[in-house]
Amino acid sequence: MNPSKEKYEKSLVKILIRLNPNVDADIIDFLNASDNKQGLIKEALREHIKRAKEVK
């Protein structure tokens, strides 16, 4: 890996999520239908944060 990419990778926070096909099939199907899983998750979380702030 080149040095600039290695430096960039070190600055990232990685989060693992485990999904159970028996319980989370709807989530798995929805993510699998997306071309941009990371973008979809970020968008959903930002919307959730926005709604949570409006409730307070």
C-alpha atoms as a PDB file:
ATOM      1  CA  MET A   1       0.000   0.000   0.000  1.00  0.00           C
ATOM      2  CA  ASN A   2       1.370   3.414  -0.852  1.00  0.00           C
ATOM      3  CA  PRO A   3       2.220   5.740   2.066  1.00  0.00           C
ATOM      4  CA  SER A   4      -0.544   8.279   1.422  1.00  0.00           C
ATOM      5  CA  LYS A   5      -3.223   5.592   1.254  1.00  0.00           C
ATOM      6  CA  GLU A   6      -1.825   3.953   4.385  1.00  0.00           C
ATOM      7  CA  LYS A   7      -1.984   7.294   6.240  1.00  0.00           C
ATOM      8  CA  TYR A   8      -5.580   7.801   5.063  1.00  0.00           C
ATOM      9  CA  GLU A   9      -6.587   4.274   6.132  1.00  0.00           C
ATOM     10  CA  LYS A  10      -5.168   4.867   9.618  1.00  0.00           C
ATOM     11  CA  SER A  11      -7.404   7.926  10.016  1.00  0.00           C
ATOM     12  CA  LEU A  12     -10.586   5.935   9.400  1.00  0.00           C
ATOM     13  CA  VAL A  13     -12.844   4.511  12.085  1.00  0.00           C
ATOM     14  CA  LYS A  14     -14.027   1.043  11.176  1.00  0.00           C
ATOM     15  CA  ILE A  15     -17.251  -0.342  12.632  1.00  0.00           C
ATOM     16  CA  LEU A  16     -18.375  -3.928  12.245  1.00  0.00           C
ATOM     17  CA  ILE A  17     -22.044  -4.866  12.243  1.00  0.00           C
ATOM     18  CA  ARG A  18     -23.217  -8.441  12.424  1.00  0.00           C
ATOM     19  CA  LEU A  19     -26.601  -9.303  10.956  1.00  0.00           C
ATOM     20  CA  ASN A  20     -28.471 -12.539  11.573  1.00  0.00           C
ATOM     21  CA  PRO A  21     -30.238 -13.770   8.415  1.00  0.00           C
ATOM     22  CA  ASN A  22     -33.049 -15.227  10.522  1.00  0.00           C
ATOM     23  CA  VAL A  23     -33.793 -11.966  12.311  1.00  0.00           C
ATOM     24  CA  ASP A  24     -32.386  -9.261  10.039  1.00  0.00           C
ATOM     25  CA  ALA A  25     -33.363 -10.571   6.608  1.00  0.00           C
ATOM     26  CA  ASP A  26     -35.195  -7.332   5.785  1.00  0.00           C
ATOM     27  CA  ILE A  27     -32.087  -5.268   6.509  1.00  0.00           C
ATOM     28  CA  ILE A  28     -29.836  -7.648   4.588  1.00  0.00           C
ATOM     29  CA  ASP A  29     -32.149  -7.613   1.564  1.00  0.00           C
ATOM     30  CA  PHE A  30     -32.391  -3.813   1.636  1.00  0.00           C
ATOM     31  CA  LEU A  31     -28.613  -3.399   1.827  1.00  0.00           C
ATOM     32  CA  ASN A  32     -28.005  -6.002  -0.882  1.00  0.00           C
ATOM     33  CA  ALA A  33     -30.318  -4.074  -3.211  1.00  0.00           C
ATOM     34  CA  SER A  34     -28.177  -0.951  -2.809  1.00  0.00           C
ATOM     35  CA  ASP A  35     -25.166  -0.079  -4.942  1.00  0.00           C
ATOM     36  CA  ASN A  36     -23.789   2.021  -2.070  1.00  0.00           C
ATOM     37  CA  LYS A  37     -24.265   0.259   1.255  1.00  0.00           C
ATOM     38  CA  GLN A  38     -21.981   2.627   3.160  1.00  0.00           C
ATOM     39  CA  GLY A  39     -23.747   5.694   1.783  1.00  0.00           C
ATOM     40  CA  LEU A  40     -27.155   4.212   2.560  1.00  0.00           C
ATOM     41  CA  ILE A  41     -26.191   3.462   6.164  1.00  0.00           C
ATOM     42  CA  LYS A  42     -24.702   6.945   6.647  1.00  0.00           C
ATOM     43  CA  GLU A  43     -27.817   8.585   5.214  1.00  0.00           C
ATOM     44  CA  ALA A  44     -30.105   6.536   7.476  1.00  0.00           C
ATOM     45  CA  LEU A  45     -28.041   7.317  10.566  1.00  0.00           C
ATOM     46  CA  ARG A  46     -27.919  11.036   9.773  1.00  0.00           C
ATOM     47  CA  GLU A  47     -31.692  11.077   9.338  1.00  0.00           C
ATOM     48  CA  HIS A  48     -32.084   9.267  12.656  1.00  0.00           C
ATOM     49  CA  ILE A  49     -29.785  11.787  14.379  1.00  0.00           C
ATOM     50  CA  LYS A  50     -31.727  14.680  12.867  1.00  0.00           C
ATOM     51  CA  ARG A  51     -35.061  13.279  14.104  1.00  0.00           C
ATOM     52  CA  ALA A  52     -33.636  12.551  17.558  1.00  0.00           C
ATOM     53  CA  LYS A  53     -32.477  16.174  17.859  1.00  0.00           C
ATOM     54  CA  GLU A  54     -35.933  17.452  16.840  1.00  0.00           C
ATOM     55  CA  VAL A  55     -37.595  15.412  19.606  1.00  0.00           C
ATOM     56  CA  LYS A  56     -35.429  16.897  22.388  1.00  0.00           C
END
